[in-house]
Amino acid sequence: MQRSLPIPFGAAALAAFLSTSALADCTCRAQGRNFEQGQAVCLTTPGGPRIATCGMVLNNSSWEISQSPCVYSQPVPQRRPAVAHDHQHKDKS
């Protein structure tokens, strides 16, 4: 009876290893880069730029496009601090 314990344990360990390594290879491609499962990116769609998350569909990696538009930020123009000038004019007389 002791011999039957290592075989199922070994099979479970092998299955866990294979499923982990298979998940590590499943990435989504966009913009010339690989994205891991769960990562989000802004993709251009016919409805405009949308947030997409890398996921699995029927055992294949696939982008899940949301209805959420991408939010872009623009740098706020920096104002220069006011510099006090001494505007005293000297008489040229």
PDB file of N, CA and C in Angstrom:
ATOM      1  N   MET A   1       0.813  -1.210   0.000  1.00  0.00           N
ATOM      2  CA  MET A   1       0.000   0.000   0.000  1.00  0.00           C
ATOM      3  C   MET A   1       0.850   1.266   0.000  1.00  0.00           C
ATOM      4  N   GLN A   2       2.056   1.204   0.497  1.00  0.00           N
ATOM      5  CA  GLN A   2       2.903   2.390   0.509  1.00  0.00           C
ATOM      6  C   GLN A   2       3.348   2.777  -0.899  1.00  0.00           C
ATOM      7  N   ARG A   3       3.438   1.814  -1.818  1.00  0.00           N
ATOM      8  CA  ARG A   3       3.866   2.119  -3.181  1.00  0.00           C
ATOM      9  C   ARG A   3       2.821   2.934  -3.950  1.00  0.00           C
ATOM     10  N   SER A   4       1.551   2.793  -3.645  1.00  0.00           N
ATOM     11  CA  SER A   4       0.518   3.515  -4.396  1.00  0.00           C
ATOM     12  C   SER A   4       0.503   5.008  -4.060  1.00  0.00           C
ATOM     13  N   LEU A   5       1.021   5.407  -2.924  1.00  0.00           N
ATOM     14  CA  LEU A   5       1.023   6.815  -2.538  1.00  0.00           C
ATOM     15  C   LEU A   5       1.940   7.666  -3.417  1.00  0.00           C
ATOM     16  N   PRO A   6       3.186   7.251  -3.704  1.00  0.00           N
ATOM     17  CA  PRO A   6       4.048   8.113  -4.511  1.00  0.00           C
ATOM     18  C   PRO A   6       3.576   8.306  -5.949  1.00  0.00           C
ATOM     19  N   ILE A   7       2.910   7.337  -6.550  1.00  0.00           N
ATOM     20  CA  ILE A   7       2.493   7.477  -7.944  1.00  0.00           C
ATOM     21  C   ILE A   7       1.429   8.568  -8.096  1.00  0.00           C
ATOM     22  N   PRO A   8       0.324   8.553  -7.321  1.00  0.00           N
ATOM     23  CA  PRO A   8      -0.637   9.658  -7.462  1.00  0.00           C
ATOM     24  C   PRO A   8      -0.024  11.001  -7.082  1.00  0.00           C
ATOM     25  N   PHE A   9       0.828  10.992  -6.055  1.00  0.00           N
ATOM     26  CA  PHE A   9       1.477  12.236  -5.662  1.00  0.00           C
ATOM     27  C   PHE A   9       2.368  12.731  -6.790  1.00  0.00           C
ATOM     28  N   GLY A  10       3.116  11.828  -7.392  1.00  0.00           N
ATOM     29  CA  GLY A  10       3.981  12.197  -8.512  1.00  0.00           C
ATOM     30  C   GLY A  10       3.176  12.693  -9.697  1.00  0.00           C
ATOM     31  N   ALA A  11       2.046  12.063  -9.977  1.00  0.00           N
ATOM     32  CA  ALA A  11       1.187  12.486 -11.080  1.00  0.00           C
ATOM     33  C   ALA A  11       0.615  13.874 -10.809  1.00  0.00           C
ATOM     34  N   ALA A  12       0.218  14.132  -9.560  1.00  0.00           N
ATOM     35  CA  ALA A  12      -0.316  15.448  -9.208  1.00  0.00           C
ATOM     36  C   ALA A  12       0.771  16.516  -9.329  1.00  0.00           C
ATOM     37  N   ALA A  13       1.975  16.187  -8.895  1.00  0.00           N
ATOM     38  CA  ALA A  13       3.082  17.143  -9.003  1.00  0.00           C
ATOM     39  C   ALA A  13       3.401  17.426 -10.467  1.00  0.00           C
ATOM     40  N   LEU A  14       3.404  16.384 -11.293  1.00  0.00           N
ATOM     41  CA  LEU A  14       3.667  16.561 -12.718  1.00  0.00           C
ATOM     42  C   LEU A  14       2.575  17.404 -13.372  1.00  0.00           C
ATOM     43  N   ALA A  15       1.325  17.149 -13.038  1.00  0.00           N
ATOM     44  CA  ALA A  15       0.214  17.922 -13.593  1.00  0.00           C
ATOM     45  C   ALA A  15       0.322  19.392 -13.180  1.00  0.00           C
ATOM     46  N   ALA A  16       0.677  19.636 -11.929  1.00  0.00           N
ATOM     47  CA  ALA A  16       0.833  21.016 -11.452  1.00  0.00           C
ATOM     48  C   ALA A  16       1.965  21.703 -12.192  1.00  0.00           C
ATOM     49  N   PHE A  17       3.073  20.991 -12.408  1.00  0.00           N
ATOM     50  CA  PHE A  17       4.209  21.564 -13.120  1.00  0.00           C
ATOM     51  C   PHE A  17       3.830  21.886 -14.564  1.00  0.00           C
ATOM     52  N   LEU A  18       3.153  20.967 -15.221  1.00  0.00           N
ATOM     53  CA  LEU A  18       2.780  21.188 -16.616  1.00  0.00           C
ATOM     54  C   LEU A  18       1.786  22.330 -16.760  1.00  0.00           C
ATOM     55  N   SER A  19       0.839  22.433 -15.845  1.00  0.00           N
ATOM     56  CA  SER A  19      -0.137  23.518 -15.948  1.00  0.00           C
ATOM     57  C   SER A  19       0.524  24.859 -15.663  1.00  0.00           C
ATOM     58  N   THR A  20       1.482  24.901 -14.746  1.00  0.00           N
ATOM     59  CA  THR A  20       2.188  26.144 -14.444  1.00  0.00           C
ATOM     60  C   THR A  20       3.034  26.578 -15.629  1.00  0.00           C
ATOM     61  N   SER A  21       3.758  25.640 -16.238  1.00  0.00           N
ATOM     62  CA  SER A  21       4.599  26.014 -17.366  1.00  0.00           C
ATOM     63  C   SER A  21       3.758  26.384 -18.576  1.00  0.00           C
ATOM     64  N   ALA A  22       2.599  25.771 -18.734  1.00  0.00           N
ATOM     65  CA  ALA A  22       1.727  26.113 -19.857  1.00  0.00           C
ATOM     66  C   ALA A  22       1.185  27.529 -19.691  1.00  0.00           C
ATOM     67  N   LEU A  23       0.813  27.910 -18.463  1.00  0.00           N
ATOM     68  CA  LEU A  23       0.312  29.256 -18.227  1.00  0.00           C
ATOM     69  C   LEU A  23       1.395  30.297 -18.467  1.00  0.00           C
ATOM     70  N   ALA A  24       2.635  29.954 -18.140  1.00  0.00           N
ATOM     71  CA  ALA A  24       3.718  30.907 -18.304  1.00  0.00           C
ATOM     72  C   ALA A  24       3.939  31.245 -19.774  1.00  0.00           C
ATOM     73  N   ASP A  25       3.631  30.315 -20.680  1.00  0.00           N
ATOM     74  CA  ASP A  25       3.840  30.541 -22.102  1.00  0.00           C
ATOM     75  C   ASP A  25       2.660  31.244 -22.762  1.00  0.00           C
ATOM     76  N   CYS A  26       1.540  31.342 -22.091  1.00  0.00           N
ATOM     77  CA  CYS A  26       0.340  31.936 -22.689  1.00  0.00           C
ATOM     78  C   CYS A  26       0.363  33.439 -22.464  1.00  0.00           C
ATOM     79  N   THR A  27       0.708  34.162 -23.494  1.00  0.00           N
ATOM     80  CA  THR A  27       0.730  35.619 -23.437  1.00  0.00           C
ATOM     81  C   THR A  27      -0.100  36.155 -24.587  1.00  0.00           C
ATOM     82  N   CYS A  28      -0.461  37.410 -24.496  1.00  0.00           N
ATOM     83  CA  CYS A  28      -1.163  38.092 -25.572  1.00  0.00           C
ATOM     84  C   CYS A  28      -0.182  39.055 -26.230  1.00  0.00           C
ATOM     85  N   ARG A  29      -0.311  39.233 -27.532  1.00  0.00           N
ATOM     86  CA  ARG A  29       0.569  40.125 -28.274  1.00  0.00           C
ATOM     87  C   ARG A  29      -0.184  41.387 -28.665  1.00  0.00           C
ATOM     88  N   ALA A  30       0.478  42.525 -28.501  1.00  0.00           N
ATOM     89  CA  ALA A  30      -0.065  43.807 -28.965  1.00  0.00           C
ATOM     90  C   ALA A  30       1.079  44.799 -29.025  1.00  0.00           C
ATOM     91  N   GLN A  31       1.048  45.663 -30.003  1.00  0.00           N
ATOM     92  CA  GLN A  31       2.018  46.745 -30.131  1.00  0.00           C
ATOM     93  C   GLN A  31       3.458  46.221 -30.124  1.00  0.00           C
ATOM     94  N   GLY A  32       3.648  45.013 -30.675  1.00  0.00           N
ATOM     95  CA  GLY A  32       4.986  44.436 -30.769  1.00  0.00           C
ATOM     96  C   GLY A  32       5.536  43.890 -29.465  1.00  0.00           C
ATOM     97  N   ARG A  33       4.682  43.712 -28.467  1.00  0.00           N
ATOM     98  CA  ARG A  33       5.128  43.238 -27.154  1.00  0.00           C
ATOM     99  C   ARG A  33       4.266  42.079 -26.700  1.00  0.00           C
ATOM    100  N   ASN A  34       4.784  41.314 -25.732  1.00  0.00           N
ATOM    101  CA  ASN A  34       4.022  40.251 -25.065  1.00  0.00           C
ATOM    102  C   ASN A  34       3.457  40.789 -23.764  1.00  0.00           C
ATOM    103  N   PHE A  35       2.226  40.395 -23.452  1.00  0.00           N
ATOM    104  CA  PHE A  35       1.579  40.782 -22.211  1.00  0.00           C
ATOM    105  C   PHE A  35       1.126  39.521 -21.491  1.00  0.00           C
ATOM    106  N   GLU A  36       1.408  39.437 -20.196  1.00  0.00           N
ATOM    107  CA  GLU A  36       1.040  38.285 -19.376  1.00  0.00           C
ATOM    108  C   GLU A  36      -0.467  38.280 -19.117  1.00  0.00           C
ATOM    109  N   GLN A  37      -0.987  37.124 -18.734  1.00  0.00           N
ATOM    110  CA  GLN A  37      -2.391  36.989 -18.365  1.00  0.00           C
ATOM    111  C   GLN A  37      -2.725  38.013 -17.272  1.00  0.00           C
ATOM    112  N   GLY A  38      -3.818  38.714 -17.420  1.00  0.00           N
ATOM    113  CA  GLY A  38      -4.261  39.687 -16.422  1.00  0.00           C
ATOM    114  C   GLY A  38      -3.764  41.099 -16.678  1.00  0.00           C
ATOM    115  N   GLN A  39      -2.772  41.274 -17.543  1.00  0.00           N
ATOM    116  CA  GLN A  39      -2.281  42.621 -17.827  1.00  0.00           C
ATOM    117  C   GLN A  39      -3.253  43.347 -18.744  1.00  0.00           C
ATOM    118  N   ALA A  40      -3.364  44.647 -18.557  1.00  0.00           N
ATOM    119  CA  ALA A  40      -4.268  45.471 -19.362  1.00  0.00           C
ATOM    120  C   ALA A  40      -3.459  46.434 -20.216  1.00  0.00           C
ATOM    121  N   VAL A  41      -4.027  46.773 -21.378  1.00  0.00           N
ATOM    122  CA  VAL A  41      -3.377  47.679 -22.313  1.00  0.00           C
ATOM    123  C   VAL A  41      -4.470  48.428 -23.071  1.00  0.00           C
ATOM    124  N   CYS A  42      -4.137  49.557 -23.622  1.00  0.00           N
ATOM    125  CA  CYS A  42      -5.078  50.317 -24.430  1.00  0.00           C
ATOM    126  C   CYS A  42      -4.917  49.872 -25.880  1.00  0.00           C
ATOM    127  N   LEU A  43      -6.003  49.365 -26.482  1.00  0.00           N
ATOM    128  CA  LEU A  43      -5.984  48.916 -27.875  1.00  0.00           C
ATOM    129  C   LEU A  43      -6.946  49.747 -28.703  1.00  0.00           C
ATOM    130  N   THR A  44      -6.574  49.998 -29.945  1.00  0.00           N
ATOM    131  CA  THR A  44      -7.443  50.714 -30.861  1.00  0.00           C
ATOM    132  C   THR A  44      -8.482  49.748 -31.409  1.00  0.00           C
ATOM    133  N   THR A  45      -9.749  50.120 -31.286  1.00  0.00           N
ATOM    134  CA  THR A  45     -10.854  49.305 -31.779  1.00  0.00           C
ATOM    135  C   THR A  45     -11.714  50.165 -32.706  1.00  0.00           C
ATOM    136  N   PRO A  46     -12.633  49.565 -33.441  1.00  0.00           N
ATOM    137  CA  PRO A  46     -13.532  50.378 -34.283  1.00  0.00           C
ATOM    138  C   PRO A  46     -14.333  51.385 -33.463  1.00  0.00           C
ATOM    139  N   GLY A  47     -14.556  51.103 -32.186  1.00  0.00           N
ATOM    140  CA  GLY A  47     -15.285  52.019 -31.309  1.00  0.00           C
ATOM    141  C   GLY A  47     -14.383  53.024 -30.628  1.00  0.00           C
ATOM    142  N   GLY A  48     -13.123  53.073 -31.027  1.00  0.00           N
ATOM    143  CA  GLY A  48     -12.161  53.977 -30.397  1.00  0.00           C
ATOM    144  C   GLY A  48     -11.234  53.207 -29.475  1.00  0.00           C
ATOM    145  N   PRO A  49     -10.290  53.893 -28.848  1.00  0.00           N
ATOM    146  CA  PRO A  49      -9.356  53.218 -27.948  1.00  0.00           C
ATOM    147  C   PRO A  49     -10.083  52.672 -26.715  1.00  0.00           C
ATOM    148  N   ARG A  50      -9.851  51.385 -26.420  1.00  0.00           N
ATOM    149  CA  ARG A  50     -10.509  50.711 -25.295  1.00  0.00           C
ATOM    150  C   ARG A  50      -9.479  49.959 -24.465  1.00  0.00           C
ATOM    151  N   ILE A  51      -9.803  49.782 -23.188  1.00  0.00           N
ATOM    152  CA  ILE A  51      -8.943  49.002 -22.298  1.00  0.00           C
ATOM    153  C   ILE A  51      -9.211  47.527 -22.575  1.00  0.00           C
ATOM    154  N   ALA A  52      -8.140  46.775 -22.797  1.00  0.00           N
ATOM    155  CA  ALA A  52      -8.242  45.339 -23.059  1.00  0.00           C
ATOM    156  C   ALA A  52      -7.372  44.602 -22.046  1.00  0.00           C
ATOM    157  N   THR A  53      -7.860  43.457 -21.593  1.00  0.00           N
ATOM    158  CA  THR A  53      -7.139  42.643 -20.617  1.00  0.00           C
ATOM    159  C   THR A  53      -6.800  41.301 -21.259  1.00  0.00           C
ATOM    160  N   CYS A  54      -5.558  40.854 -21.061  1.00  0.00           N
ATOM    161  CA  CYS A  54      -5.130  39.559 -21.590  1.00  0.00           C
ATOM    162  C   CYS A  54      -5.783  38.459 -20.763  1.00  0.00           C
ATOM    163  N   GLY A  55      -6.467  37.542 -21.440  1.00  0.00           N
ATOM    164  CA  GLY A  55      -7.145  36.455 -20.747  1.00  0.00           C
ATOM    165  C   GLY A  55      -7.126  35.184 -21.580  1.00  0.00           C
ATOM    166  N   MET A  56      -7.913  34.198 -21.154  1.00  0.00           N
ATOM    167  CA  MET A  56      -8.000  32.923 -21.850  1.00  0.00           C
ATOM    168  C   MET A  56      -9.426  32.712 -22.343  1.00  0.00           C
ATOM    169  N   VAL A  57      -9.549  32.285 -23.606  1.00  0.00           N
ATOM    170  CA  VAL A  57     -10.834  31.916 -24.192  1.00  0.00           C
ATOM    171  C   VAL A  57     -10.628  30.589 -24.902  1.00  0.00           C
ATOM    172  N   LEU A  58     -11.370  29.572 -24.477  1.00  0.00           N
ATOM    173  CA  LEU A  58     -11.252  28.237 -25.059  1.00  0.00           C
ATOM    174  C   LEU A  58      -9.804  27.757 -25.117  1.00  0.00           C
ATOM    175  N   ASN A  59      -9.093  27.948 -24.005  1.00  0.00           N
ATOM    176  CA  ASN A  59      -7.719  27.485 -23.845  1.00  0.00           C
ATOM    177  C   ASN A  59      -6.728  28.198 -24.764  1.00  0.00           C
ATOM    178  N   ASN A  60      -7.076  29.383 -25.228  1.00  0.00           N
ATOM    179  CA  ASN A  60      -6.177  30.210 -26.034  1.00  0.00           C
ATOM    180  C   ASN A  60      -6.109  31.593 -25.419  1.00  0.00           C
ATOM    181  N   SER A  61      -4.938  32.192 -25.487  1.00  0.00           N
ATOM    182  CA  SER A  61      -4.838  33.556 -24.983  1.00  0.00           C
ATOM    183  C   SER A  61      -5.586  34.483 -25.926  1.00  0.00           C
ATOM    184  N   SER A  62      -6.259  35.472 -25.344  1.00  0.00           N
ATOM    185  CA  SER A  62      -7.091  36.361 -26.134  1.00  0.00           C
ATOM    186  C   SER A  62      -7.288  37.674 -25.385  1.00  0.00           C
ATOM    187  N   TRP A  63      -7.473  38.740 -26.129  1.00  0.00           N
ATOM    188  CA  TRP A  63      -7.777  40.028 -25.519  1.00  0.00           C
ATOM    189  C   TRP A  63      -9.266  40.106 -25.215  1.00  0.00           C
ATOM    190  N   GLU A  64      -9.579  40.507 -24.002  1.00  0.00           N
ATOM    191  CA  GLU A  64     -10.963  40.756 -23.591  1.00  0.00           C
ATOM    192  C   GLU A  64     -11.147  42.272 -23.611  1.00  0.00           C
ATOM    193  N   ILE A  65     -11.856  42.773 -24.597  1.00  0.00           N
ATOM    194  CA  ILE A  65     -12.031  44.210 -24.792  1.00  0.00           C
ATOM    195  C   ILE A  65     -13.166  44.701 -23.910  1.00  0.00           C
ATOM    196  N   SER A  66     -12.899  45.736 -23.126  1.00  0.00           N
ATOM    197  CA  SER A  66     -13.940  46.304 -22.271  1.00  0.00           C
ATOM    198  C   SER A  66     -14.609  47.469 -22.995  1.00  0.00           C
ATOM    199  N   GLN A  67     -15.669  47.967 -22.436  1.00  0.00           N
ATOM    200  CA  GLN A  67     -16.339  49.144 -22.972  1.00  0.00           C
ATOM    201  C   GLN A  67     -15.720  50.426 -22.423  1.00  0.00           C
ATOM    202  N   SER A  68     -14.758  50.271 -21.502  1.00  0.00           N
ATOM    203  CA  SER A  68     -14.124  51.437 -20.887  1.00  0.00           C
ATOM    204  C   SER A  68     -13.146  52.088 -21.859  1.00  0.00           C
ATOM    205  N   PRO A  69     -13.328  53.364 -22.129  1.00  0.00           N
ATOM    206  CA  PRO A  69     -12.369  54.046 -23.006  1.00  0.00           C
ATOM    207  C   PRO A  69     -11.038  54.249 -22.273  1.00  0.00           C
ATOM    208  N   CYS A  70      -9.989  54.362 -23.038  1.00  0.00           N
ATOM    209  CA  CYS A  70      -8.674  54.615 -22.456  1.00  0.00           C
ATOM    210  C   CYS A  70      -8.623  56.058 -21.975  1.00  0.00           C
ATOM    211  N   VAL A  71      -7.984  56.259 -20.871  1.00  0.00           N
ATOM    212  CA  VAL A  71      -7.839  57.599 -20.317  1.00  0.00           C
ATOM    213  C   VAL A  71      -6.410  58.046 -20.579  1.00  0.00           C
ATOM    214  N   TYR A  72      -6.288  59.143 -21.262  1.00  0.00           N
ATOM    215  CA  TYR A  72      -4.974  59.694 -21.556  1.00  0.00           C
ATOM    216  C   TYR A  72      -4.775  60.935 -20.704  1.00  0.00           C
ATOM    217  N   SER A  73      -3.579  61.105 -20.258  1.00  0.00           N
ATOM    218  CA  SER A  73      -3.287  62.321 -19.506  1.00  0.00           C
ATOM    219  C   SER A  73      -2.250  63.124 -20.275  1.00  0.00           C
ATOM    220  N   GLN A  74      -2.354  64.411 -20.150  1.00  0.00           N
ATOM    221  CA  GLN A  74      -1.395  65.292 -20.774  1.00  0.00           C
ATOM    222  C   GLN A  74      -0.674  66.033 -19.672  1.00  0.00           C
ATOM    223  N   PRO A  75       0.596  66.289 -19.873  1.00  0.00           N
ATOM    224  CA  PRO A  75       1.311  67.026 -18.840  1.00  0.00           C
ATOM    225  C   PRO A  75       0.723  68.421 -18.663  1.00  0.00           C
ATOM    226  N   VAL A  76       0.631  68.830 -17.433  1.00  0.00           N
ATOM    227  CA  VAL A  76       0.117  70.154 -17.122  1.00  0.00           C
ATOM    228  C   VAL A  76       1.221  71.158 -17.426  1.00  0.00           C
ATOM    229  N   PRO A  77       0.898  72.203 -18.198  1.00  0.00           N
ATOM    230  CA  PRO A  77       1.940  73.191 -18.489  1.00  0.00           C
ATOM    231  C   PRO A  77       2.439  73.808 -17.188  1.00  0.00           C
ATOM    232  N   GLN A  78       3.734  73.863 -17.074  1.00  0.00           N
ATOM    233  CA  GLN A  78       4.313  74.422 -15.851  1.00  0.00           C
ATOM    234  C   GLN A  78       4.430  75.935 -16.004  1.00  0.00           C
ATOM    235  N   ARG A  79       3.952  76.599 -15.001  1.00  0.00           N
ATOM    236  CA  ARG A  79       4.063  78.060 -14.995  1.00  0.00           C
ATOM    237  C   ARG A  79       5.381  78.432 -14.350  1.00  0.00           C
ATOM    238  N   ARG A  80       5.975  79.431 -14.908  1.00  0.00           N
ATOM    239  CA  ARG A  80       7.218  79.927 -14.313  1.00  0.00           C
ATOM    240  C   ARG A  80       6.857  80.787 -13.106  1.00  0.00           C
ATOM    241  N   PRO A  81       7.601  80.634 -12.047  1.00  0.00           N
ATOM    242  CA  PRO A  81       7.303  81.472 -10.874  1.00  0.00           C
ATOM    243  C   PRO A  81       7.556  82.939 -11.205  1.00  0.00           C
ATOM    244  N   ALA A  82       6.713  83.775 -10.644  1.00  0.00           N
ATOM    245  CA  ALA A  82       6.866  85.209 -10.862  1.00  0.00           C
ATOM    246  C   ALA A  82       8.170  85.669 -10.247  1.00  0.00           C
ATOM    247  N   VAL A  83       8.915  86.439 -11.013  1.00  0.00           N
ATOM    248  CA  VAL A  83      10.198  86.959 -10.534  1.00  0.00           C
ATOM    249  C   VAL A  83      10.011  88.449 -10.284  1.00  0.00           C
ATOM    250  N   ALA A  84      10.380  88.863  -9.098  1.00  0.00           N
ATOM    251  CA  ALA A  84      10.265  90.277  -8.760  1.00  0.00           C
ATOM    252  C   ALA A  84      11.378  91.036  -9.470  1.00  0.00           C
ATOM    253  N   HIS A  85      10.993  92.066 -10.188  1.00  0.00           N
ATOM    254  CA  HIS A  85      11.968  92.905 -10.881  1.00  0.00           C
ATOM    255  C   HIS A  85      12.001  94.270 -10.207  1.00  0.00           C
ATOM    256  N   ASP A  86      13.168  94.817 -10.107  1.00  0.00           N
ATOM    257  CA  ASP A  86      13.317  96.161  -9.569  1.00  0.00           C
ATOM    258  C   ASP A  86      13.206  97.116 -10.740  1.00  0.00           C
ATOM    259  N   HIS A  87      12.093  97.800 -10.818  1.00  0.00           N
ATOM    260  CA  HIS A  87      11.837  98.679 -11.956  1.00  0.00           C
ATOM    261  C   HIS A  87      12.160 100.137 -11.634  1.00  0.00           C
ATOM    262  N   GLN A  88      13.159 100.354 -10.859  1.00  0.00           N
ATOM    263  CA  GLN A  88      13.543 101.741 -10.564  1.00  0.00           C
ATOM    264  C   GLN A  88      14.362 102.267 -11.754  1.00  0.00           C
ATOM    265  N   HIS A  89      13.955 103.389 -12.241  1.00  0.00           N
ATOM    266  CA  HIS A  89      14.659 103.988 -13.366  1.00  0.00           C
ATOM    267  C   HIS A  89      15.564 105.083 -12.853  1.00  0.00           C
ATOM    268  N   LYS A  90      16.727 105.124 -13.396  1.00  0.00           N
ATOM    269  CA  LYS A  90      17.671 106.174 -13.013  1.00  0.00           C
ATOM    270  C   LYS A  90      17.463 107.370 -13.942  1.00  0.00           C
ATOM    271  N   ASP A  91      17.503 108.529 -13.355  1.00  0.00           N
ATOM    272  CA  ASP A  91      17.403 109.754 -14.159  1.00  0.00           C
ATOM    273  C   ASP A  91      18.702 109.939 -14.922  1.00  0.00           C
ATOM    274  N   LYS A  92      18.589 110.252 -16.178  1.00  0.00           N
ATOM    275  CA  LYS A  92      19.780 110.477 -16.989  1.00  0.00           C
ATOM    276  C   LYS A  92      20.066 111.973 -17.098  1.00  0.00           C
ATOM    277  N   SER A  93      19.569 112.775 -16.231  1.00  0.00           N
ATOM    278  CA  SER A  93      19.807 114.203 -16.309  1.00  0.00           C
ATOM    279  C   SER A  93      21.047 114.639 -15.595  1.00  0.00           C
TER     280      SER A  93
END
